[in-house]
N, C-alpha and C. Protein backbone atom coordinates (compact mmCIF):
# COMPACT_ATOMS: atom_id res chain seq x y z
N MET A 1 -38.95 -1.63 36.98
CA MET A 1 -38.28 -1.39 35.71
C MET A 1 -37.50 -0.08 35.80
N SER A 2 -36.34 -0.07 35.22
CA SER A 2 -35.50 1.11 35.16
C SER A 2 -35.11 1.37 33.72
N THR A 3 -34.59 2.56 33.48
CA THR A 3 -34.26 2.95 32.12
C THR A 3 -32.90 3.62 32.10
N ILE A 4 -32.18 3.43 31.02
CA ILE A 4 -30.96 4.19 30.82
C ILE A 4 -31.20 5.17 29.69
N TYR A 5 -30.66 6.36 29.85
CA TYR A 5 -30.73 7.38 28.82
C TYR A 5 -29.32 7.64 28.34
N ILE A 6 -29.14 7.59 27.04
CA ILE A 6 -27.83 7.79 26.45
C ILE A 6 -27.86 9.09 25.66
N ASP A 7 -26.99 10.02 26.05
CA ASP A 7 -26.89 11.29 25.34
C ASP A 7 -26.25 11.00 23.99
N LYS A 8 -27.06 11.10 22.97
CA LYS A 8 -26.65 10.74 21.62
C LYS A 8 -25.40 11.50 21.16
N GLU A 9 -25.30 12.75 21.52
CA GLU A 9 -24.17 13.55 21.06
C GLU A 9 -22.90 13.34 21.89
N LEU A 10 -23.03 12.88 23.12
CA LEU A 10 -21.84 12.58 23.94
C LEU A 10 -21.28 11.19 23.64
N CYS A 11 -22.13 10.28 23.21
CA CYS A 11 -21.70 8.91 22.93
C CYS A 11 -20.78 8.90 21.72
N LYS A 12 -19.60 8.27 21.89
CA LYS A 12 -18.66 8.18 20.77
C LYS A 12 -18.57 6.76 20.21
N GLY A 13 -19.48 5.91 20.64
CA GLY A 13 -19.55 4.57 20.08
C GLY A 13 -18.45 3.63 20.51
N CYS A 14 -17.89 3.83 21.68
CA CYS A 14 -16.76 3.00 22.13
C CYS A 14 -17.20 1.60 22.58
N ALA A 15 -18.47 1.42 22.90
CA ALA A 15 -19.05 0.13 23.31
C ALA A 15 -18.58 -0.38 24.66
N VAL A 16 -17.98 0.46 25.47
CA VAL A 16 -17.59 0.04 26.82
C VAL A 16 -18.82 -0.38 27.62
N CYS A 17 -19.88 0.36 27.50
CA CYS A 17 -21.12 0.04 28.23
C CYS A 17 -21.67 -1.32 27.81
N VAL A 18 -21.55 -1.65 26.53
CA VAL A 18 -22.03 -2.94 26.02
C VAL A 18 -21.29 -4.07 26.70
N SER A 19 -20.00 -3.95 26.81
CA SER A 19 -19.21 -5.03 27.40
C SER A 19 -19.36 -5.13 28.92
N PHE A 20 -19.71 -4.05 29.58
CA PHE A 20 -19.84 -4.09 31.04
C PHE A 20 -21.25 -4.36 31.56
N CYS A 21 -22.27 -4.24 30.73
CA CYS A 21 -23.64 -4.50 31.21
C CYS A 21 -23.77 -5.98 31.58
N PRO A 22 -24.02 -6.28 32.86
CA PRO A 22 -24.06 -7.69 33.27
C PRO A 22 -25.23 -8.46 32.67
N LEU A 23 -26.28 -7.76 32.27
CA LEU A 23 -27.44 -8.43 31.68
C LEU A 23 -27.47 -8.33 30.16
N LYS A 24 -26.44 -7.71 29.58
CA LYS A 24 -26.33 -7.56 28.12
C LYS A 24 -27.56 -6.86 27.53
N LEU A 25 -27.94 -5.74 28.16
CA LEU A 25 -29.13 -4.99 27.73
C LEU A 25 -28.81 -3.82 26.82
N ILE A 26 -27.55 -3.63 26.49
CA ILE A 26 -27.14 -2.51 25.66
C ILE A 26 -26.44 -3.05 24.42
N ASN A 27 -26.74 -2.46 23.30
CA ASN A 27 -26.06 -2.81 22.06
C ASN A 27 -25.75 -1.53 21.28
N MET A 28 -24.91 -1.68 20.28
CA MET A 28 -24.59 -0.55 19.42
C MET A 28 -25.63 -0.51 18.30
N SER A 29 -26.16 0.66 18.06
CA SER A 29 -27.18 0.83 17.04
C SER A 29 -26.60 0.55 15.65
N ASP A 30 -27.40 -0.11 14.84
CA ASP A 30 -26.98 -0.32 13.46
C ASP A 30 -27.72 0.62 12.51
N HIS A 31 -28.48 1.57 13.09
CA HIS A 31 -29.25 2.49 12.27
C HIS A 31 -29.22 3.95 12.75
N ASP A 32 -28.71 4.20 13.93
CA ASP A 32 -28.73 5.55 14.48
C ASP A 32 -27.30 6.03 14.75
N VAL A 33 -26.97 7.19 14.24
CA VAL A 33 -25.66 7.79 14.47
C VAL A 33 -25.84 9.21 14.99
N ASN A 34 -24.81 9.74 15.64
CA ASN A 34 -24.87 11.11 16.12
C ASN A 34 -24.30 12.06 15.06
N ALA A 35 -24.23 13.33 15.38
CA ALA A 35 -23.77 14.34 14.42
C ALA A 35 -22.32 14.12 13.99
N SER A 36 -21.54 13.42 14.81
CA SER A 36 -20.15 13.13 14.46
C SER A 36 -20.02 11.86 13.62
N GLY A 37 -21.13 11.16 13.42
CA GLY A 37 -21.12 9.94 12.61
C GLY A 37 -20.87 8.67 13.37
N TYR A 38 -20.84 8.74 14.71
CA TYR A 38 -20.61 7.55 15.52
C TYR A 38 -21.92 6.78 15.72
N ALA A 39 -21.86 5.47 15.58
CA ALA A 39 -23.00 4.63 15.96
C ALA A 39 -23.13 4.75 17.47
N ILE A 40 -24.34 4.90 17.94
CA ILE A 40 -24.54 5.13 19.37
C ILE A 40 -25.04 3.87 20.07
N ALA A 41 -24.80 3.83 21.37
CA ALA A 41 -25.31 2.73 22.19
C ALA A 41 -26.80 2.94 22.41
N GLU A 42 -27.52 1.82 22.57
CA GLU A 42 -28.95 1.90 22.85
C GLU A 42 -29.36 0.73 23.74
N MET A 43 -30.38 0.98 24.52
CA MET A 43 -30.91 -0.05 25.40
C MET A 43 -31.79 -0.98 24.57
N ASN A 44 -31.63 -2.29 24.73
CA ASN A 44 -32.38 -3.23 23.91
C ASN A 44 -33.37 -4.07 24.68
N SER A 45 -33.67 -3.69 25.91
CA SER A 45 -34.60 -4.45 26.74
C SER A 45 -35.15 -3.56 27.84
N ASP A 46 -36.26 -3.98 28.42
CA ASP A 46 -36.82 -3.22 29.54
C ASP A 46 -36.55 -3.93 30.87
N SER A 47 -35.51 -4.74 30.91
CA SER A 47 -35.18 -5.51 32.10
C SER A 47 -34.07 -4.90 32.94
N CYS A 48 -33.77 -3.63 32.75
CA CYS A 48 -32.69 -2.97 33.47
C CYS A 48 -32.95 -2.98 34.98
N THR A 49 -31.92 -3.32 35.74
CA THR A 49 -32.03 -3.36 37.20
C THR A 49 -31.46 -2.11 37.87
N ALA A 50 -31.01 -1.15 37.07
CA ALA A 50 -30.43 0.11 37.56
C ALA A 50 -29.15 -0.11 38.35
N CYS A 51 -28.36 -1.08 37.95
CA CYS A 51 -27.08 -1.31 38.63
C CYS A 51 -26.11 -0.15 38.36
N ALA A 52 -26.30 0.54 37.24
CA ALA A 52 -25.54 1.73 36.86
C ALA A 52 -24.07 1.46 36.51
N ILE A 53 -23.72 0.21 36.28
CA ILE A 53 -22.36 -0.10 35.87
C ILE A 53 -22.04 0.58 34.54
N CYS A 54 -23.01 0.59 33.64
CA CYS A 54 -22.79 1.22 32.33
C CYS A 54 -22.45 2.69 32.49
N ALA A 55 -23.18 3.39 33.34
CA ALA A 55 -22.93 4.82 33.57
C ALA A 55 -21.58 5.06 34.23
N MET A 56 -21.21 4.19 35.17
CA MET A 56 -19.93 4.35 35.85
C MET A 56 -18.76 4.10 34.91
N MET A 57 -18.91 3.19 33.98
CA MET A 57 -17.82 2.81 33.09
C MET A 57 -17.73 3.70 31.84
N CYS A 58 -18.78 4.43 31.51
CA CYS A 58 -18.78 5.26 30.31
C CYS A 58 -17.72 6.36 30.43
N PRO A 59 -16.73 6.38 29.54
CA PRO A 59 -15.67 7.37 29.64
C PRO A 59 -16.10 8.79 29.30
N ASP A 60 -17.28 8.93 28.72
CA ASP A 60 -17.76 10.25 28.32
C ASP A 60 -18.97 10.74 29.12
N SER A 61 -19.33 10.02 30.16
CA SER A 61 -20.49 10.37 31.00
C SER A 61 -21.74 10.60 30.15
N ALA A 62 -21.94 9.73 29.18
CA ALA A 62 -23.06 9.86 28.26
C ALA A 62 -24.31 9.13 28.73
N ILE A 63 -24.21 8.38 29.83
CA ILE A 63 -25.33 7.53 30.28
C ILE A 63 -25.86 7.99 31.62
N THR A 64 -27.18 8.09 31.68
CA THR A 64 -27.88 8.38 32.92
C THR A 64 -28.83 7.21 33.20
N VAL A 65 -28.80 6.71 34.42
CA VAL A 65 -29.68 5.60 34.80
C VAL A 65 -30.76 6.16 35.70
N VAL A 66 -32.01 5.81 35.37
CA VAL A 66 -33.14 6.27 36.17
C VAL A 66 -33.85 5.03 36.72
N LYS A 67 -33.83 4.93 38.03
CA LYS A 67 -34.48 3.81 38.70
C LYS A 67 -35.94 4.16 38.93
N GLU A 68 -36.80 3.32 38.44
CA GLU A 68 -38.25 3.53 38.60
C GLU A 68 -38.69 3.01 39.96
N ASP A 69 -39.51 3.77 40.62
CA ASP A 69 -40.06 3.34 41.91
C ASP A 69 -41.13 2.28 41.67
N LYS A 70 -41.06 1.24 42.46
CA LYS A 70 -42.12 0.21 42.38
C LYS A 70 -43.32 0.69 43.15
N LYS A 71 -44.48 0.48 42.56
CA LYS A 71 -45.73 0.92 43.21
C LYS A 71 -46.56 -0.24 43.63
């Protein structure tokens, strides 16, 4: 299992990560906004494969992907 971390204050709600996630694991929050008032992206599943496409495509470098080591 891997996780993505989205910097709430860097995210401007553009949804580029949502459209590029091949597994559709990211959505735009309908309840959480940052200090600028933008709805932020959030991970909606624990099935992330750490492909990091979302982080590469994010125009604001707001996403960090952490690959969990299998034990």
